[in-house]
PDB file of all heavy atoms in Angstrom:
ATOM      1  N   ILE A   1     -26.340  52.432 107.567  1.00  0.00           N
ATOM      2  CA  ILE A   1     -25.752  52.555 106.230  1.00  0.00           C
ATOM      3  C   ILE A   1     -25.981  53.948 105.665  1.00  0.00           C
ATOM      4  O   ILE A   1     -25.066  54.589 105.152  1.00  0.00           O
ATOM      5  CB  ILE A   1     -26.340  51.483 105.290  1.00  0.00           C
ATOM      6  CG1 ILE A   1     -26.041  50.073 105.825  1.00  0.00           C
ATOM      7  CG2 ILE A   1     -25.802  51.648 103.879  1.00  0.00           C
ATOM      8  CD1 ILE A   1     -26.727  48.971 105.035  1.00  0.00           C
ATOM      9  N   LEU A   2     -27.201  54.408 105.751  1.00  0.00           N
ATOM     10  CA  LEU A   2     -27.567  55.746 105.290  1.00  0.00           C
ATOM     11  C   LEU A   2     -28.468  56.416 106.317  1.00  0.00           C
ATOM     12  O   LEU A   2     -29.361  55.757 106.862  1.00  0.00           O
ATOM     13  CB  LEU A   2     -28.310  55.674 103.937  1.00  0.00           C
ATOM     14  CG  LEU A   2     -27.497  55.292 102.701  1.00  0.00           C
ATOM     15  CD1 LEU A   2     -28.425  55.175 101.486  1.00  0.00           C
ATOM     16  CD2 LEU A   2     -26.398  56.308 102.425  1.00  0.00           C
ATOM     17  N   PRO A   3     -28.255  57.676 106.584  1.00  0.00           N
ATOM     18  CA  PRO A   3     -27.219  58.567 106.059  1.00  0.00           C
ATOM     19  C   PRO A   3     -25.797  58.164 106.460  1.00  0.00           C
ATOM     20  O   PRO A   3     -24.839  58.624 105.841  1.00  0.00           O
ATOM     21  CB  PRO A   3     -27.575  59.922 106.692  1.00  0.00           C
ATOM     22  CG  PRO A   3     -28.972  59.816 107.152  1.00  0.00           C
ATOM     23  CD  PRO A   3     -29.162  58.379 107.519  1.00  0.00           C
ATOM     24  N   GLY A   4     -25.671  57.337 107.510  1.00  0.00           N
ATOM     25  CA  GLY A   4     -24.359  57.006 108.045  1.00  0.00           C
ATOM     26  C   GLY A   4     -24.078  57.847 109.274  1.00  0.00           C
ATOM     27  O   GLY A   4     -24.392  59.039 109.309  1.00  0.00           O
ATOM     28  N   ARG A   5     -23.506  57.243 110.290  1.00  0.00           N
ATOM     29  CA  ARG A   5     -23.316  57.955 111.560  1.00  0.00           C
ATOM     30  C   ARG A   5     -22.417  59.182 111.428  1.00  0.00           C
ATOM     31  O   ARG A   5     -22.458  60.093 112.259  1.00  0.00           O
ATOM     32  CB  ARG A   5     -22.726  57.020 112.611  1.00  0.00           C
ATOM     33  CG  ARG A   5     -23.599  55.824 112.965  1.00  0.00           C
ATOM     34  CD  ARG A   5     -25.020  56.198 113.313  1.00  0.00           C
ATOM     35  NE  ARG A   5     -25.097  57.113 114.450  1.00  0.00           N
ATOM     36  CZ  ARG A   5     -26.216  57.624 114.919  1.00  0.00           C
ATOM     37  NH1 ARG A   5     -27.375  57.348 114.306  1.00  0.00           N
ATOM     38  NH2 ARG A   5     -26.217  58.430 115.958  1.00  0.00           N
ATOM     39  N   SER A   6     -21.607  59.229 110.394  1.00  0.00           N
ATOM     40  CA  SER A   6     -20.721  60.390 110.220  1.00  0.00           C
ATOM     41  C   SER A   6     -21.480  61.644 109.825  1.00  0.00           C
ATOM     42  O   SER A   6     -20.972  62.763 109.982  1.00  0.00           O
ATOM     43  CB  SER A   6     -19.645  60.085 109.178  1.00  0.00           C
ATOM     44  OG  SER A   6     -20.229  59.846 107.899  1.00  0.00           O
ATOM     45  N   LEU A   7     -22.688  61.490 109.281  1.00  0.00           N
ATOM     46  CA  LEU A   7     -23.499  62.645 108.879  1.00  0.00           C
ATOM     47  C   LEU A   7     -24.395  63.054 110.043  1.00  0.00           C
ATOM     48  O   LEU A   7     -25.417  62.407 110.316  1.00  0.00           O
ATOM     49  CB  LEU A   7     -24.351  62.319 107.654  1.00  0.00           C
ATOM     50  CG  LEU A   7     -23.623  61.979 106.350  1.00  0.00           C
ATOM     51  CD1 LEU A   7     -24.614  61.882 105.204  1.00  0.00           C
ATOM     52  CD2 LEU A   7     -22.554  63.018 106.033  1.00  0.00           C
ATOM     53  N   GLN A   8     -24.027  64.104 110.729  1.00  0.00           N
ATOM     54  CA  GLN A   8     -24.794  64.563 111.888  1.00  0.00           C
ATOM     55  C   GLN A   8     -25.197  66.034 111.774  1.00  0.00           C
ATOM     56  O   GLN A   8     -26.251  66.424 112.267  1.00  0.00           O
ATOM     57  CB  GLN A   8     -23.969  64.359 113.166  1.00  0.00           C
ATOM     58  CG  GLN A   8     -23.680  62.906 113.498  1.00  0.00           C
ATOM     59  CD  GLN A   8     -24.926  62.132 113.896  1.00  0.00           C
ATOM     60  OE1 GLN A   8     -25.915  62.711 114.359  1.00  0.00           O
ATOM     61  NE2 GLN A   8     -24.895  60.812 113.712  1.00  0.00           N
ATOM     62  N   ASP A   9     -24.372  66.865 111.143  1.00  0.00           N
ATOM     63  CA  ASP A   9     -24.683  68.290 111.070  1.00  0.00           C
ATOM     64  C   ASP A   9     -25.791  68.539 110.046  1.00  0.00           C
ATOM     65  O   ASP A   9     -26.006  67.758 109.117  1.00  0.00           O
ATOM     66  CB  ASP A   9     -23.445  69.098 110.714  1.00  0.00           C
ATOM     67  CG  ASP A   9     -22.901  68.744 109.336  1.00  0.00           C
ATOM     68  OD1 ASP A   9     -22.258  67.671 109.207  1.00  0.00           O
ATOM     69  OD2 ASP A   9     -23.145  69.506 108.384  1.00  0.00           O
ATOM     70  N   GLU A  10     -26.490  69.628 110.230  1.00  0.00           N
ATOM     71  CA  GLU A  10     -27.663  69.921 109.404  1.00  0.00           C
ATOM     72  C   GLU A  10     -27.311  70.066 107.932  1.00  0.00           C
ATOM     73  O   GLU A  10     -28.044  69.579 107.060  1.00  0.00           O
ATOM     74  CB  GLU A  10     -28.367  71.181 109.900  1.00  0.00           C
ATOM     75  CG  GLU A  10     -29.638  71.486 109.100  1.00  0.00           C
ATOM     76  CD  GLU A  10     -30.458  72.601 109.713  1.00  0.00           C
ATOM     77  OE1 GLU A  10     -30.262  72.906 110.893  1.00  0.00           O
ATOM     78  OE2 GLU A  10     -31.312  73.151 108.994  1.00  0.00           O
ATOM     79  N   ALA A  11     -26.202  70.700 107.617  1.00  0.00           N
ATOM     80  CA  ALA A  11     -25.828  70.898 106.215  1.00  0.00           C
ATOM     81  C   ALA A  11     -25.634  69.568 105.507  1.00  0.00           C
ATOM     82  O   ALA A  11     -26.066  69.387 104.355  1.00  0.00           O
ATOM     83  CB  ALA A  11     -24.558  71.736 106.126  1.00  0.00           C
ATOM     84  N   SER A  12     -25.011  68.611 106.181  1.00  0.00           N
ATOM     85  CA  SER A  12     -24.787  67.297 105.582  1.00  0.00           C
ATOM     86  C   SER A  12     -26.101  66.557 105.375  1.00  0.00           C
ATOM     87  O   SER A  12     -26.305  65.897 104.353  1.00  0.00           O
ATOM     88  CB  SER A  12     -23.858  66.462 106.470  1.00  0.00           C
ATOM     89  OG  SER A  12     -22.585  67.058 106.569  1.00  0.00           O
ATOM     90  N   LEU A  13     -27.010  66.688 106.346  1.00  0.00           N
ATOM     91  CA  LEU A  13     -28.294  65.996 106.236  1.00  0.00           C
ATOM     92  C   LEU A  13     -29.183  66.634 105.173  1.00  0.00           C
ATOM     93  O   LEU A  13     -29.948  65.950 104.496  1.00  0.00           O
ATOM     94  CB  LEU A  13     -28.991  65.973 107.589  1.00  0.00           C
ATOM     95  CG  LEU A  13     -28.316  65.097 108.645  1.00  0.00           C
ATOM     96  CD1 LEU A  13     -29.016  65.234 109.996  1.00  0.00           C
ATOM     97  CD2 LEU A  13     -28.307  63.628 108.207  1.00  0.00           C
ATOM     98  N   VAL A  14     -29.090  67.958 105.020  1.00  0.00           N
ATOM     99  CA  VAL A  14     -29.828  68.633 103.946  1.00  0.00           C
ATOM    100  C   VAL A  14     -29.359  68.119 102.593  1.00  0.00           C
ATOM    101  O   VAL A  14     -30.170  67.809 101.702  1.00  0.00           O
ATOM    102  CB  VAL A  14     -29.652  70.166 104.044  1.00  0.00           C
ATOM    103  CG1 VAL A  14     -30.151  70.838 102.756  1.00  0.00           C
ATOM    104  CG2 VAL A  14     -30.408  70.714 105.241  1.00  0.00           C
ATOM    105  N   LYS A  15     -28.060  68.007 102.422  1.00  0.00           N
ATOM    106  CA  LYS A  15     -27.510  67.484 101.162  1.00  0.00           C
ATOM    107  C   LYS A  15     -27.953  66.041 100.945  1.00  0.00           C
ATOM    108  O   LYS A  15     -28.344  65.657  99.834  1.00  0.00           O
ATOM    109  CB  LYS A  15     -25.986  67.570 101.184  1.00  0.00           C
ATOM    110  CG  LYS A  15     -25.331  67.107  99.886  1.00  0.00           C
ATOM    111  CD  LYS A  15     -23.818  67.270  99.943  1.00  0.00           C
ATOM    112  CE  LYS A  15     -23.165  66.791  98.639  1.00  0.00           C
ATOM    113  NZ  LYS A  15     -21.683  66.930  98.683  1.00  0.00           N
ATOM    114  N   PHE A  16     -27.916  65.226 102.007  1.00  0.00           N
ATOM    115  CA  PHE A  16     -28.349  63.840 101.908  1.00  0.00           C
ATOM    116  C   PHE A  16     -29.817  63.752 101.490  1.00  0.00           C
ATOM    117  O   PHE A  16     -30.187  62.948 100.620  1.00  0.00           O
ATOM    118  CB  PHE A  16     -28.145  63.136 103.256  1.00  0.00           C
ATOM    119  CG  PHE A  16     -28.815  61.799 103.360  1.00  0.00           C
ATOM    120  CD1 PHE A  16     -28.272  60.684 102.740  1.00  0.00           C
ATOM    121  CD2 PHE A  16     -30.001  61.652 104.071  1.00  0.00           C
ATOM    122  CE1 PHE A  16     -28.895  59.444 102.826  1.00  0.00           C
ATOM    123  CE2 PHE A  16     -30.631  60.422 104.164  1.00  0.00           C
ATOM    124  CZ  PHE A  16     -30.077  59.315 103.543  1.00  0.00           C
ATOM    125  N   ALA A  17     -30.667  64.579 102.095  1.00  0.00           N
ATOM    126  CA  ALA A  17     -32.091  64.570 101.749  1.00  0.00           C
ATOM    127  C   ALA A  17     -32.294  64.916 100.280  1.00  0.00           C
ATOM    128  O   ALA A  17     -33.111  64.295  99.587  1.00  0.00           O
ATOM    129  CB  ALA A  17     -32.856  65.536 102.641  1.00  0.00           C
ATOM    130  N   GLY A  18     -31.556  65.891  99.787  1.00  0.00           N
ATOM    131  CA  GLY A  18     -31.665  66.268  98.383  1.00  0.00           C
ATOM    132  C   GLY A  18     -31.213  65.174  97.446  1.00  0.00           C
ATOM    133  O   GLY A  18     -31.740  65.015  96.344  1.00  0.00           O
ATOM    134  N   GLN A  19     -30.227  64.389  97.879  1.00  0.00           N
ATOM    135  CA  GLN A  19     -29.702  63.314  97.045  1.00  0.00           C
ATOM    136  C   GLN A  19     -30.594  62.081  97.026  1.00  0.00           C
ATOM    137  O   GLN A  19     -30.525  61.289  96.084  1.00  0.00           O
ATOM    138  CB  GLN A  19     -28.310  62.909  97.558  1.00  0.00           C
ATOM    139  CG  GLN A  19     -27.229  63.952  97.343  1.00  0.00           C
ATOM    140  CD  GLN A  19     -25.941  63.596  98.060  1.00  0.00           C
ATOM    141  OE1 GLN A  19     -25.936  62.851  99.050  1.00  0.00           O
ATOM    142  NE2 GLN A  19     -24.823  64.123  97.569  1.00  0.00           N
ATOM    143  N   THR A  20     -31.419  61.903  98.058  1.00  0.00           N
ATOM    144  CA  THR A  20     -32.160  60.641  98.198  1.00  0.00           C
ATOM    145  C   THR A  20     -33.675  60.771  98.172  1.00  0.00           C
ATOM    146  O   THR A  20     -34.367  59.759  98.098  1.00  0.00           O
ATOM    147  CB  THR A  20     -31.769  59.941  99.512  1.00  0.00           C
ATOM    148  OG1 THR A  20     -32.047  60.814 100.614  1.00  0.00           O
ATOM    149  CG2 THR A  20     -30.291  59.572  99.508  1.00  0.00           C
ATOM    150  N   VAL A  21     -34.217  61.981  98.243  1.00  0.00           N
ATOM    151  CA  VAL A  21     -35.683  62.117  98.273  1.00  0.00           C
ATOM    152  C   VAL A  21     -36.292  61.497  97.020  1.00  0.00           C
ATOM    153  O   VAL A  21     -35.773  61.639  95.916  1.00  0.00           O
ATOM    154  CB  VAL A  21     -36.097  63.592  98.427  1.00  0.00           C
ATOM    155  CG1 VAL A  21     -35.700  64.420  97.206  1.00  0.00           C
ATOM    156  CG2 VAL A  21     -37.591  63.710  98.679  1.00  0.00           C
ATOM    157  N   LYS A  22     -37.377  60.770  97.223  1.00  0.00           N
ATOM    158  CA  LYS A  22     -38.066  60.122  96.106  1.00  0.00           C
ATOM    159  C   LYS A  22     -39.567  60.223  96.302  1.00  0.00           C
ATOM    160  O   LYS A  22     -40.056  60.506  97.396  1.00  0.00           O
ATOM    161  CB  LYS A  22     -37.672  58.647  95.991  1.00  0.00           C
ATOM    162  CG  LYS A  22     -38.050  57.817  97.205  1.00  0.00           C
ATOM    163  CD  LYS A  22     -37.650  56.353  97.044  1.00  0.00           C
ATOM    164  CE  LYS A  22     -38.540  55.602  96.090  1.00  0.00           C
ATOM    165  NZ  LYS A  22     -39.938  55.458  96.590  1.00  0.00           N
ATOM    166  N   THR A  23     -40.294  59.974  95.241  1.00  0.00           N
ATOM    167  CA  THR A  23     -41.746  60.009  95.302  1.00  0.00           C
ATOM    168  C   THR A  23     -42.295  58.855  96.120  1.00  0.00           C
ATOM    169  O   THR A  23     -41.695  57.792  96.214  1.00  0.00           O
ATOM    170  CB  THR A  23     -42.343  59.950  93.878  1.00  0.00           C
ATOM    171  OG1 THR A  23     -43.782  59.977  93.972  1.00  0.00           O
ATOM    172  CG2 THR A  23     -41.938  58.677  93.161  1.00  0.00           C
ATOM    173  N   ASN A  24     -43.468  59.082  96.696  1.00  0.00           N
ATOM    174  CA  ASN A  24     -44.247  58.001  97.295  1.00  0.00           C
ATOM    175  C   ASN A  24     -45.394  57.606  96.361  1.00  0.00           C
ATOM    176  O   ASN A  24     -46.336  56.938  96.772  1.00  0.00           O
ATOM    177  CB  ASN A  24     -44.778  58.412  98.663  1.00  0.00           C
ATOM    178  CG  ASN A  24     -45.164  57.246  99.550  1.00  0.00           C
ATOM    179  OD1 ASN A  24     -46.240  57.239 100.136  1.00  0.00           O
ATOM    180  ND2 ASN A  24     -44.321  56.231  99.648  1.00  0.00           N
ATOM    181  N   TYR A  25     -45.324  58.083  95.119  1.00  0.00           N
ATOM    182  CA  TYR A  25     -46.212  57.656  94.029  1.00  0.00           C
ATOM    183  C   TYR A  25     -47.652  58.162  94.184  1.00  0.00           C
ATOM    184  O   TYR A  25     -48.591  57.467  93.811  1.00  0.00           O
ATOM    185  CB  TYR A  25     -46.223  56.121  93.906  1.00  0.00           C
ATOM    186  CG  TYR A  25     -44.861  55.497  93.949  1.00  0.00           C
ATOM    187  CD1 TYR A  25     -44.399  54.862  95.090  1.00  0.00           C
ATOM    188  CD2 TYR A  25     -44.001  55.562  92.850  1.00  0.00           C
ATOM    189  CE1 TYR A  25     -43.129  54.293  95.139  1.00  0.00           C
ATOM    190  CE2 TYR A  25     -42.735  54.988  92.889  1.00  0.00           C
ATOM    191  CZ  TYR A  25     -42.307  54.363  94.039  1.00  0.00           C
ATOM    192  OH  TYR A  25     -41.055  53.808  94.091  1.00  0.00           O
ATOM    193  N   HIS A  26     -47.811  59.410  94.657  1.00  0.00           N
ATOM    194  CA  HIS A  26     -49.164  59.922  94.882  1.00  0.00           C
ATOM    195  C   HIS A  26     -49.388  61.303  94.268  1.00  0.00           C
ATOM    196  O   HIS A  26     -49.928  62.190  94.941  1.00  0.00           O
ATOM    197  CB  HIS A  26     -49.462  59.987  96.388  1.00  0.00           C
ATOM    198  CG  HIS A  26     -49.313  58.700  97.103  1.00  0.00           C
ATOM    199  ND1 HIS A  26     -48.920  58.606  98.427  1.00  0.00           N
ATOM    200  CD2 HIS A  26     -49.503  57.423  96.679  1.00  0.00           C
ATOM    201  CE1 HIS A  26     -48.877  57.342  98.789  1.00  0.00           C
ATOM    202  NE2 HIS A  26     -49.223  56.600  97.747  1.00  0.00           N
ATOM    203  N   PRO A  27     -49.006  61.564  93.009  1.00  0.00           N
ATOM    204  CA  PRO A  27     -49.233  62.898  92.442  1.00  0.00           C
ATOM    205  C   PRO A  27     -50.720  63.248  92.423  1.00  0.00           C
ATOM    206  O   PRO A  27     -51.567  62.406  92.119  1.00  0.00           O
ATOM    207  CB  PRO A  27     -48.656  62.795  91.028  1.00  0.00           C
ATOM    208  CG  PRO A  27     -48.567  61.333  90.729  1.00  0.00           C
ATOM    209  CD  PRO A  27     -48.364  60.653  92.041  1.00  0.00           C
ATOM    210  N   SER A  28     -51.022  64.492  92.770  1.00  0.00           N
ATOM    211  CA  SER A  28     -52.410  64.957  92.905  1.00  0.00           C
ATOM    212  C   SER A  28     -52.483  66.451  92.619  1.00  0.00           C
ATOM    213  O   SER A  28     -51.478  67.155  92.676  1.00  0.00           O
ATOM    214  CB  SER A  28     -52.913  64.707  94.346  1.00  0.00           C
ATOM    215  OG  SER A  28     -52.737  63.386  94.764  1.00  0.00           O
ATOM    216  N   GLY A  29     -53.692  66.918  92.325  1.00  0.00           N
ATOM    217  CA  GLY A  29     -53.990  68.331  92.419  1.00  0.00           C
ATOM    218  C   GLY A  29     -53.803  69.206  91.208  1.00  0.00           C
ATOM    219  O   GLY A  29     -53.984  70.417  91.298  1.00  0.00           O
ATOM    220  N   SER A  30     -53.464  68.659  90.033  1.00  0.00           N
ATOM    221  CA  SER A  30     -53.121  69.502  88.884  1.00  0.00           C
ATOM    222  C   SER A  30     -54.322  70.167  88.221  1.00  0.00           C
ATOM    223  O   SER A  30     -54.153  71.042  87.371  1.00  0.00           O
ATOM    224  CB  SER A  30     -52.367  68.683  87.835  1.00  0.00           C
ATOM    225  OG  SER A  30     -53.186  67.633  87.348  1.00  0.00           O
ATOM    226  N   LEU A  31     -55.540  69.764  88.601  1.00  0.00           N
ATOM    227  CA  LEU A  31     -56.765  70.385  88.063  1.00  0.00           C
ATOM    228  C   LEU A  31     -57.701  70.664  89.241  1.00  0.00           C
ATOM    229  O   LEU A  31     -58.799  70.144  89.329  1.00  0.00           O
ATOM    230  CB  LEU A  31     -57.445  69.463  87.046  1.00  0.00           C
ATOM    231  CG  LEU A  31     -56.611  69.053  85.826  1.00  0.00           C
ATOM    232  CD1 LEU A  31     -57.321  67.967  85.020  1.00  0.00           C
ATOM    233  CD2 LEU A  31     -56.315  70.256  84.940  1.00  0.00           C
ATOM    234  N   ARG A  32     -57.257  71.476  90.136  1.00  0.00           N
ATOM    235  CA  ARG A  32     -57.875  71.521  91.459  1.00  0.00           C
ATOM    236  C   ARG A  32     -59.311  72.034  91.461  1.00  0.00           C
ATOM    237  O   ARG A  32     -59.704  72.890  90.668  1.00  0.00           O
ATOM    238  CB  ARG A  32     -57.029  72.329  92.420  1.00  0.00           C
ATOM    239  CG  ARG A  32     -57.271  73.811  92.465  1.00  0.00           C
ATOM    240  CD  ARG A  32     -56.456  74.432  93.597  1.00  0.00           C
ATOM    241  NE  ARG A  32     -56.635  75.868  93.646  1.00  0.00           N
ATOM    242  CZ  ARG A  32     -55.732  76.697  94.142  1.00  0.00           C
ATOM    243  NH1 ARG A  32     -54.593  76.227  94.577  1.00  0.00           N
ATOM    244  NH2 ARG A  32     -55.963  77.988  94.185  1.00  0.00           N
TER     245      ARG A  32
END
């Protein structure tokens, strides 16, 4: 379903990653 077999070239996958990247809920380090 995602990314979908039609998305194979790097440019398409880079765009897909930017559209779907999400947190894994582990923010850290702001007062190191």
